[in-house]
Amino acid sequence: MSQMPRQAALPKCPSCAEPVEPGDLFCGACGYDLSVVPAPPQDHPTLPMTGTAAPGNGTERPAPWPADPAPETDPPGPGAGGTPPHGHEPEDGQSAGSGVRFDRPAEPDEYPLQAPDPRLAAPAAAPAVAARLCVACRTGRVDDDGYCENCGHAQPRERDHLERETGPVAAVSDRGLRHHRNEDAFAVGHTTLPDGTPAALAIVCDGVSSATRPDAASLAASRAAGDTLLAALPRGTHPQAAMHEAIVAAAHAVNALADEPATAREHAPHQNAPACTIVGAVVTSGLLVVGWVGDSRVYWVPTDRTAPSARLTEDDSWAAQMVAAGLMSEAEAYADERAHAITGWLGADAYELEPHTACFQPDRPGAVVVCTDGLWNYAETAEEMSEVVPPDAAARPLHGARVLVGHALDGGGHDNVTVAVLPFPAPSQGAGSA
């Protein structure tokens, strides 16, 4: 049964420290009311945190839930280490009447701060570049060499198919169906003459496959010629003279590619210097200027197809020489296996640089087609070219160039094919293709 707590006897008066007797309600010396002194606190046992009852009771019971050890950074408190709870004296490192030990090392007054995580302090990493997927299997990643890691398929190079439209002129270049790379290159542009009239230009180059680095030669030549024309025409240089300067600049650019270490030549003594052919056209409001070295061509196709078309260039080739000398007819010469052997090109080992230029004044609007033999092999004569050029080629030059490249691919695509289309006369600035 419950019992009321009895008042404990005090050995001394808390006021005057005089001895008192058990049962005294007041101090005999100072009259202090001893009944207001609280009784000593009861001994409350420490709750077991190990899942067992306090030692000495002979029973064990499971704890309400597993007790997790307190983190080392937690401040000391009752029952957790440091100072034992009030009313308990530790003995041999253990609190009396409990299963909790208090013999842990004393906790420091200050705790060292944890070093910052270097991963959090490091700057954010740049976003990863998305891996290129194979155009064949659509699942494999493309390695640095341009091959699929899954199926091994070679990926198309940047120059395998190029299209560009600037102002009124456009060009398309394609690797074709038989060659492993595209060795053609082109440059297109438009500018204004000193009198304010517009001018458009196109340069097409065909790398000589039997030479080393033909793709580099065609690219260097097309860039040099295009830049020269864009610089010379606004200064007032006559378009025909500017075309001559452009071909000379292109030749110098290709010659520079042959300046290689002697060791490179020793490793490939059978290789010729980089080489290419070149053909170009400049159209203004009243003039059509063409220039070339090699066997790439320029065709004139009037918008009115009842008027005759014309080929405006003469090949530097074996077949052309046979025809010019009267030794063979054109049909016989171009049927010969030696027909496409060129007699003129740009390169350090060329016999002699002889740029050809010509100036025309068409009396009606039309389209100018500048192309490599990858196209004209499938539309050789002016009449054949007129049949495959779209009727709206002058108004839509990019569409026209695409159609002509497609004609060559449909015919077999045995060679690289590059086509540029320019309208004549050159339209005013801002009037491009639809």
Protein backbone atom coordinates (compact mmCIF):
# COMPACT_ATOMS: atom_id res chain seq x y z
CA MET A 1 0.00 0.00 0.00
CA SER A 2 1.09 3.54 -0.45
CA GLN A 3 2.65 5.41 2.43
CA MET A 4 2.94 9.11 3.02
CA PRO A 5 6.57 10.21 3.12
CA ARG A 6 7.85 10.92 6.60
CA GLN A 7 9.94 13.95 7.45
CA ALA A 8 13.54 12.98 8.00
CA ALA A 9 15.43 14.13 11.10
CA LEU A 10 17.95 16.87 10.64
CA PRO A 11 21.24 16.77 12.53
CA LYS A 12 21.46 20.60 12.64
CA CYS A 13 19.19 23.58 12.35
CA PRO A 14 19.51 24.96 8.86
CA SER A 15 19.32 28.49 10.26
CA CYS A 16 21.65 28.61 13.28
CA ALA A 17 23.36 25.20 12.92
CA GLU A 18 22.42 24.23 16.50
CA PRO A 19 21.73 20.52 17.09
CA VAL A 20 18.11 19.50 17.00
CA GLU A 21 16.38 16.41 18.28
CA PRO A 22 14.33 14.01 16.23
CA GLY A 23 10.66 15.05 16.22
CA ASP A 24 11.41 18.75 16.99
CA LEU A 25 9.14 21.08 15.07
CA PHE A 26 11.06 24.22 16.00
CA CYS A 27 14.70 24.98 16.74
CA GLY A 28 15.18 25.41 20.49
CA ALA A 29 17.88 28.05 19.94
CA CYS A 30 16.46 30.31 17.21
CA GLY A 31 12.84 29.09 16.83
CA TYR A 32 13.29 28.12 13.13
CA ASP A 33 10.31 26.20 11.80
CA LEU A 34 11.79 22.82 11.00
CA SER A 35 8.58 21.59 9.27
CA VAL A 36 9.33 23.66 6.14
CA VAL A 37 12.57 21.76 5.41
CA PRO A 38 11.90 19.36 2.46
CA ALA A 39 12.48 15.65 2.79
CA PRO A 40 15.57 14.21 1.03
CA PRO A 41 14.89 13.04 -2.56
CA GLN A 42 14.04 9.44 -3.31
CA ASP A 43 16.59 7.30 -5.22
CA HIS A 44 15.16 7.00 -8.78
CA PRO A 45 16.83 4.15 -10.65
CA THR A 46 18.42 4.81 -14.06
CA LEU A 47 16.44 3.36 -16.94
CA PRO A 48 18.27 0.43 -18.51
CA MET A 49 19.49 1.20 -22.07
CA THR A 50 21.09 -2.21 -22.73
CA GLY A 51 17.85 -4.21 -22.86
CA THR A 52 18.33 -5.73 -19.37
CA ALA A 53 16.89 -4.84 -16.00
CA ALA A 54 18.93 -3.19 -13.32
CA PRO A 55 21.43 -5.57 -11.78
CA GLY A 56 20.10 -7.46 -8.83
CA ASN A 57 16.47 -7.95 -9.84
CA GLY A 58 17.05 -11.32 -11.49
CA THR A 59 14.91 -10.68 -14.60
CA GLU A 60 15.64 -9.63 -18.18
CA ARG A 61 13.33 -7.94 -20.62
CA PRO A 62 13.70 -6.50 -24.10
CA ALA A 63 14.13 -2.84 -24.48
CA PRO A 64 11.23 -0.88 -26.05
CA TRP A 65 13.48 -0.25 -29.19
CA PRO A 66 17.17 -0.71 -29.92
CA ALA A 67 19.22 1.99 -28.35
CA ASP A 68 21.51 3.74 -30.87
CA PRO A 69 24.81 4.94 -29.50
CA ALA A 70 24.93 8.67 -29.04
CA PRO A 71 27.10 10.54 -31.60
CA GLU A 72 30.47 11.65 -30.36
CA THR A 73 29.58 15.25 -31.03
CA ASP A 74 26.54 15.16 -28.71
CA PRO A 75 27.09 17.15 -25.51
CA PRO A 76 27.27 15.06 -22.31
CA GLY A 77 24.08 14.66 -20.33
CA PRO A 78 22.53 12.52 -17.65
CA GLY A 79 22.89 8.88 -18.37
CA ALA A 80 25.07 9.49 -21.41
CA GLY A 81 28.53 9.90 -19.94
CA GLY A 82 30.47 12.63 -18.17
CA THR A 83 28.70 13.39 -14.87
CA PRO A 84 26.44 10.67 -13.48
CA PRO A 85 22.79 11.47 -12.64
CA HIS A 86 22.01 13.09 -9.31
CA GLY A 87 21.94 10.59 -6.45
CA HIS A 88 24.25 8.00 -8.11
CA GLU A 89 27.83 7.38 -7.29
CA PRO A 90 29.80 5.40 -9.87
CA GLU A 91 31.64 2.39 -8.63
CA ASP A 92 34.25 0.61 -10.72
CA GLY A 93 33.15 2.57 -13.72
CA GLN A 94 29.47 1.65 -13.40
CA SER A 95 26.52 3.52 -11.94
CA ALA A 96 25.00 1.89 -8.88
CA GLY A 97 21.80 -0.01 -9.60
CA SER A 98 21.99 0.41 -13.41
CA GLY A 99 23.48 -1.22 -16.46
CA VAL A 100 24.99 2.00 -17.87
CA ARG A 101 28.69 2.70 -17.58
CA PHE A 102 30.06 6.18 -17.03
CA ASP A 103 33.76 5.45 -17.55
CA ARG A 104 33.94 7.07 -21.03
CA PRO A 105 36.64 9.70 -21.49
CA ALA A 106 35.58 13.18 -20.59
CA GLU A 107 34.16 15.12 -23.53
CA PRO A 108 36.07 18.28 -24.52
CA ASP A 109 34.52 21.68 -23.98
CA GLU A 110 35.09 22.55 -27.68
CA TYR A 111 34.68 20.32 -30.66
CA PRO A 112 36.76 20.74 -33.84
CA LEU A 113 34.77 21.59 -36.93
CA GLN A 114 34.67 18.96 -39.64
CA ALA A 115 36.70 19.81 -42.72
CA PRO A 116 34.47 20.85 -45.68
CA ASP A 117 33.79 18.21 -48.27
CA PRO A 118 36.09 18.99 -51.24
CA ARG A 119 33.41 17.72 -53.60
CA LEU A 120 31.11 20.50 -52.39
CA ALA A 121 33.78 23.16 -52.60
CA ALA A 122 34.93 22.20 -56.10
CA PRO A 123 33.49 24.20 -59.00
CA ALA A 124 30.66 22.63 -60.89
CA ALA A 125 31.90 20.36 -63.63
CA ALA A 126 31.20 21.37 -67.20
CA PRO A 127 28.23 19.57 -68.72
CA ALA A 128 29.25 16.43 -70.53
CA VAL A 129 29.15 16.57 -74.32
CA ALA A 130 26.52 14.27 -75.71
CA ALA A 131 28.07 11.27 -77.40
CA ARG A 132 27.60 10.96 -81.15
CA LEU A 133 25.45 8.01 -82.13
CA CYS A 134 26.13 5.85 -85.16
CA VAL A 135 24.09 6.74 -88.25
CA ALA A 136 23.87 3.04 -89.13
CA CYS A 137 22.84 1.18 -85.94
CA ARG A 138 21.65 4.28 -84.03
CA THR A 139 22.87 2.78 -80.75
CA GLY A 140 26.67 2.63 -80.80
CA ARG A 141 28.88 5.54 -79.74
CA VAL A 142 31.21 7.03 -82.34
CA ASP A 143 34.87 7.03 -81.30
CA ASP A 144 37.45 9.73 -82.01
CA ASP A 145 38.47 8.00 -85.25
CA GLY A 146 34.95 8.30 -86.69
CA TYR A 147 33.91 4.64 -86.35
CA CYS A 148 31.00 3.12 -84.42
CA GLU A 149 32.11 1.19 -81.33
CA ASN A 150 29.13 -1.14 -81.73
CA CYS A 151 28.95 -2.06 -85.44
CA GLY A 152 32.21 -0.57 -86.74
CA HIS A 153 30.45 1.54 -89.39
CA ALA A 154 32.48 4.53 -90.63
CA GLN A 155 30.60 7.75 -89.96
CA PRO A 156 30.11 10.44 -92.63
CA ARG A 157 32.66 13.22 -92.51
CA GLU A 158 31.66 16.87 -92.38
CA ARG A 159 32.65 17.38 -96.00
CA ASP A 160 30.75 14.33 -97.26
CA HIS A 161 27.77 16.56 -97.98
CA LEU A 162 27.84 20.35 -97.81
CA GLU A 163 25.26 22.95 -98.75
CA ARG A 164 25.49 26.71 -98.63
CA GLU A 165 23.36 29.58 -99.83
CA THR A 166 24.43 33.21 -99.56
CA GLY A 167 22.45 35.95 -101.19
CA PRO A 168 21.61 34.98 -104.78
CA VAL A 169 24.12 32.12 -105.13
CA ALA A 170 24.15 28.59 -103.71
CA ALA A 171 26.31 25.46 -103.91
CA VAL A 172 26.06 21.79 -102.95
CA SER A 173 28.91 19.27 -102.69
CA ASP A 174 28.56 15.52 -102.14
CA ARG A 175 31.03 12.65 -101.69
CA GLY A 176 29.21 10.52 -104.25
CA LEU A 177 28.57 6.79 -104.07
CA ARG A 178 31.98 5.33 -104.85
CA HIS A 179 34.65 7.52 -103.21
CA HIS A 180 35.63 7.16 -99.56
CA ARG A 181 35.92 10.94 -99.06
CA ASN A 182 34.94 14.21 -100.70
CA GLU A 183 37.92 15.84 -102.42
CA ASP A 184 35.87 18.73 -103.86
CA ALA A 185 35.49 22.16 -102.29
CA PHE A 186 33.69 25.39 -103.11
CA ALA A 187 33.35 29.04 -102.11
CA VAL A 188 30.35 31.26 -102.78
CA GLY A 189 29.68 34.88 -101.96
CA HIS A 190 28.19 38.18 -103.01
CA THR A 191 29.36 41.76 -102.77
CA THR A 192 28.82 45.24 -104.20
CA LEU A 193 30.84 46.99 -106.87
CA PRO A 194 32.01 50.61 -106.39
CA ASP A 195 29.03 51.93 -108.37
CA GLY A 196 26.62 50.12 -106.06
CA THR A 197 25.65 47.34 -108.43
CA PRO A 198 25.57 43.78 -107.05
CA ALA A 199 27.98 40.99 -107.90
CA ALA A 200 27.85 37.28 -107.06
CA LEU A 201 30.63 34.72 -107.32
CA ALA A 202 31.28 31.00 -107.09
CA ILE A 203 34.50 28.98 -107.03
CA VAL A 204 34.57 25.18 -107.43
CA CYS A 205 37.72 23.06 -106.99
CA ASP A 206 38.29 19.36 -107.65
CA GLY A 207 41.21 17.62 -105.90
CA VAL A 208 43.50 15.51 -108.06
CA SER A 209 43.13 12.01 -106.61
CA SER A 210 46.53 10.82 -107.79
CA ALA A 211 48.22 13.53 -105.71
CA THR A 212 48.70 13.57 -101.97
CA ARG A 213 46.15 15.45 -99.83
CA PRO A 214 43.82 16.42 -102.70
CA ASP A 215 41.09 17.42 -100.27
CA ALA A 216 43.42 19.92 -98.59
CA ALA A 217 44.44 21.32 -101.98
CA SER A 218 40.86 21.95 -103.13
CA LEU A 219 39.91 23.53 -99.82
CA ALA A 220 42.92 25.87 -99.79
CA ALA A 221 42.39 26.89 -103.41
CA SER A 222 38.67 27.62 -103.05
CA ARG A 223 39.17 29.72 -99.95
CA ALA A 224 42.03 31.72 -101.42
CA ALA A 225 40.19 32.41 -104.68
CA GLY A 226 36.95 33.35 -102.96
CA ASP A 227 38.67 35.72 -100.54
CA THR A 228 40.58 37.37 -103.40
CA LEU A 229 37.42 38.04 -105.39
CA LEU A 230 35.55 39.42 -102.39
CA ALA A 231 38.43 41.80 -101.75
CA ALA A 232 39.14 42.85 -105.36
CA LEU A 233 35.64 43.47 -106.72
CA PRO A 234 34.61 46.19 -104.21
CA ARG A 235 37.87 48.02 -104.97
CA GLY A 236 36.84 48.45 -108.58
CA THR A 237 39.01 45.73 -110.12
CA HIS A 238 37.49 44.55 -113.38
CA PRO A 239 35.81 41.15 -112.82
CA GLN A 240 37.99 39.46 -115.45
CA ALA A 241 41.19 40.82 -113.90
CA ALA A 242 39.89 39.90 -110.45
CA MET A 243 39.27 36.34 -111.66
CA HIS A 244 42.85 36.09 -112.93
CA GLU A 245 44.15 37.31 -109.54
CA ALA A 246 41.96 34.79 -107.76
CA ILE A 247 43.35 31.85 -109.74
CA VAL A 248 46.92 32.99 -109.09
CA ALA A 249 46.18 33.32 -105.36
CA ALA A 250 44.67 29.83 -105.36
CA ALA A 251 47.80 28.44 -107.04
CA HIS A 252 50.02 30.00 -104.38
CA ALA A 253 47.84 28.51 -101.62
CA VAL A 254 48.14 25.02 -103.11
CA ASN A 255 51.89 25.41 -103.69
CA ALA A 256 52.30 26.26 -100.01
CA LEU A 257 50.95 22.84 -99.07
CA ALA A 258 54.00 21.24 -100.71
CA ASP A 259 56.33 22.95 -98.22
CA GLU A 260 56.63 19.88 -96.00
CA PRO A 261 59.61 18.43 -94.14
CA ALA A 262 62.08 16.42 -96.20
CA THR A 263 61.38 13.39 -94.03
CA ALA A 264 57.75 13.40 -95.13
CA ARG A 265 58.80 13.25 -98.76
CA GLU A 266 61.20 10.39 -97.98
CA HIS A 267 58.38 8.31 -96.49
CA ALA A 268 56.15 8.83 -99.57
CA PRO A 269 58.44 9.44 -102.55
CA HIS A 270 55.82 8.17 -104.99
CA GLN A 271 53.30 10.82 -104.01
CA ASN A 272 52.90 13.99 -106.07
CA ALA A 273 52.49 17.40 -104.48
CA PRO A 274 48.93 18.41 -103.48
CA ALA A 275 46.98 19.46 -106.57
CA CYS A 276 43.51 20.41 -107.75
CA THR A 277 41.59 21.99 -110.60
CA ILE A 278 39.67 25.27 -110.32
CA VAL A 279 36.75 26.92 -112.08
CA GLY A 280 34.86 30.07 -111.16
CA ALA A 281 32.25 32.57 -112.28
CA VAL A 282 31.40 36.18 -111.44
CA VAL A 283 28.05 37.66 -112.43
CA THR A 284 27.14 41.34 -112.29
CA SER A 285 24.23 43.32 -113.71
CA GLY A 286 25.60 43.01 -117.24
CA LEU A 287 28.71 40.81 -117.27
CA LEU A 288 29.40 37.11 -116.87
CA VAL A 289 33.08 36.30 -116.27
CA VAL A 290 34.49 32.79 -116.01
CA GLY A 291 37.97 31.45 -115.22
CA TRP A 292 39.45 27.99 -114.94
CA VAL A 293 42.45 25.66 -114.88
CA GLY A 294 41.67 21.98 -115.41
CA ASP A 295 38.54 20.18 -116.50
CA SER A 296 35.79 21.59 -114.26
CA ARG A 297 33.22 23.54 -116.26
CA VAL A 298 30.78 26.45 -116.49
CA TYR A 299 27.48 26.15 -118.37
CA TRP A 300 25.07 28.89 -119.42
CA VAL A 301 21.39 27.89 -119.35
CA PRO A 302 18.91 30.65 -120.30
CA THR A 303 15.58 30.83 -118.53
CA ASP A 304 13.90 30.74 -121.95
CA ARG A 305 14.71 27.20 -122.98
CA THR A 306 13.94 27.96 -126.62
CA ALA A 307 17.25 29.87 -126.65
CA PRO A 308 20.45 27.80 -126.93
CA SER A 309 22.53 26.84 -123.92
CA ALA A 310 26.32 26.93 -124.02
CA ARG A 311 29.42 25.52 -122.37
CA LEU A 312 31.66 28.49 -121.50
CA THR A 313 34.94 26.70 -120.68
CA GLU A 314 37.37 24.42 -122.53
CA ASP A 315 38.91 21.51 -120.65
CA ASP A 316 42.62 21.24 -119.94
CA SER A 317 42.53 17.54 -120.77
CA TRP A 318 43.82 14.94 -123.18
CA ALA A 319 40.46 14.68 -124.90
CA ALA A 320 40.24 18.44 -125.48
CA GLN A 321 43.71 18.47 -126.98
CA MET A 322 42.78 15.66 -129.37
CA VAL A 323 39.69 17.55 -130.50
CA ALA A 324 41.53 20.86 -130.83
CA ALA A 325 44.23 19.20 -132.94
CA GLY A 326 41.61 17.65 -135.21
CA LEU A 327 42.84 14.16 -134.48
CA MET A 328 39.55 12.89 -133.02
CA SER A 329 35.95 13.92 -132.84
CA GLU A 330 34.59 15.03 -129.48
CA ALA A 331 32.58 11.84 -129.13
CA GLU A 332 35.59 9.69 -129.93
CA ALA A 333 37.93 11.61 -127.66
CA TYR A 334 35.67 11.50 -124.58
CA ALA A 335 34.98 7.82 -125.14
CA ASP A 336 38.69 7.09 -124.79
CA GLU A 337 39.97 5.91 -121.42
CA ARG A 338 42.51 8.75 -121.47
CA ALA A 339 39.83 11.41 -121.88
CA HIS A 340 39.96 12.73 -118.30
CA ALA A 341 43.73 12.91 -118.03
CA ILE A 342 44.21 16.60 -117.23
CA THR A 343 46.91 18.76 -118.77
CA GLY A 344 46.51 21.73 -116.46
CA TRP A 345 46.11 21.97 -112.67
CA LEU A 346 47.13 23.93 -109.59
CA GLY A 347 50.06 22.49 -107.67
CA ALA A 348 53.78 22.74 -107.06
CA ASP A 349 54.49 20.17 -109.76
CA ALA A 350 52.31 21.78 -112.44
CA TYR A 351 54.12 22.40 -115.72
CA GLU A 352 53.14 26.04 -115.95
CA LEU A 353 50.30 28.10 -114.54
CA GLU A 354 48.08 29.31 -117.38
CA PRO A 355 44.83 30.77 -115.98
CA HIS A 356 42.06 30.93 -118.56
CA THR A 357 39.48 33.72 -118.32
CA ALA A 358 36.60 34.79 -120.55
CA CYS A 359 33.99 37.53 -120.40
CA PHE A 360 30.40 37.30 -121.76
CA GLN A 361 27.40 39.62 -122.04
CA PRO A 362 24.24 37.50 -122.18
CA ASP A 363 21.24 39.23 -123.70
CA ARG A 364 18.67 37.47 -121.52
CA PRO A 365 18.27 36.13 -117.97
CA GLY A 366 19.36 32.65 -117.10
CA ALA A 367 21.29 30.41 -114.74
CA VAL A 368 25.05 29.86 -114.57
CA VAL A 369 26.08 26.33 -113.55
CA VAL A 370 29.61 25.87 -112.16
CA CYS A 371 30.48 22.22 -111.63
CA THR A 372 33.06 19.45 -111.43
CA ASP A 373 33.16 16.47 -113.75
CA GLY A 374 31.20 14.56 -111.12
CA LEU A 375 28.14 16.25 -112.64
CA TRP A 376 28.99 16.85 -116.28
CA ASN A 377 29.92 13.18 -116.75
CA TYR A 378 26.14 12.64 -116.61
CA ALA A 379 25.18 15.73 -118.67
CA GLU A 380 28.13 16.44 -120.89
CA THR A 381 26.77 18.63 -123.65
CA ALA A 382 25.11 22.00 -123.18
CA GLU A 383 21.84 20.57 -124.44
CA GLU A 384 21.95 17.71 -121.93
CA MET A 385 22.73 20.12 -119.11
CA SER A 386 19.82 22.33 -120.14
CA GLU A 387 17.47 19.36 -119.84
CA VAL A 388 18.40 18.59 -116.21
CA VAL A 389 18.62 22.16 -114.88
CA PRO A 390 15.28 23.06 -113.23
CA PRO A 391 13.32 25.85 -114.95
CA ASP A 392 13.38 27.96 -111.77
CA ALA A 393 17.09 27.45 -111.05
CA ALA A 394 17.83 31.20 -111.37
CA ALA A 395 15.13 32.03 -108.81
CA ARG A 396 15.90 29.08 -106.52
CA PRO A 397 19.63 28.37 -106.84
CA LEU A 398 19.89 26.07 -103.81
CA HIS A 399 17.04 23.93 -105.06
CA GLY A 400 18.64 23.86 -108.50
CA ALA A 401 22.01 22.75 -107.11
CA ARG A 402 20.33 19.99 -105.10
CA VAL A 403 18.51 18.71 -108.17
CA LEU A 404 21.72 18.61 -110.20
CA VAL A 405 23.64 16.75 -107.48
CA GLY A 406 20.76 14.31 -107.25
CA HIS A 407 20.93 13.77 -111.02
CA ALA A 408 24.60 12.77 -110.71
CA LEU A 409 23.89 10.41 -107.79
CA ASP A 410 21.00 8.82 -109.64
CA GLY A 411 23.32 8.30 -112.60
CA GLY A 412 25.75 6.29 -110.47
CA GLY A 413 27.67 8.85 -108.41
CA HIS A 414 31.04 7.48 -109.50
CA ASP A 415 32.86 10.69 -108.51
CA ASN A 416 32.59 13.51 -106.02
CA VAL A 417 30.04 16.01 -107.33
CA THR A 418 29.95 19.75 -106.65
CA VAL A 419 27.57 22.25 -108.24
CA ALA A 420 27.11 26.01 -107.80
CA VAL A 421 24.21 27.93 -109.35
CA LEU A 422 24.19 31.70 -109.94
CA PRO A 423 21.38 33.77 -111.51
CA PHE A 424 22.13 36.21 -114.33
CA PRO A 425 21.90 39.14 -114.05
CA ALA A 426 22.90 39.38 -110.41
CA PRO A 427 19.83 40.53 -108.45
CA SER A 428 19.98 43.45 -106.07
CA GLN A 429 21.10 42.79 -102.49
CA GLY A 430 18.47 41.05 -100.41
CA ALA A 431 16.89 39.26 -103.34
CA GLY A 432 17.88 35.66 -102.62
CA SER A 433 16.27 32.41 -103.53
CA ALA A 434 12.83 31.44 -102.43
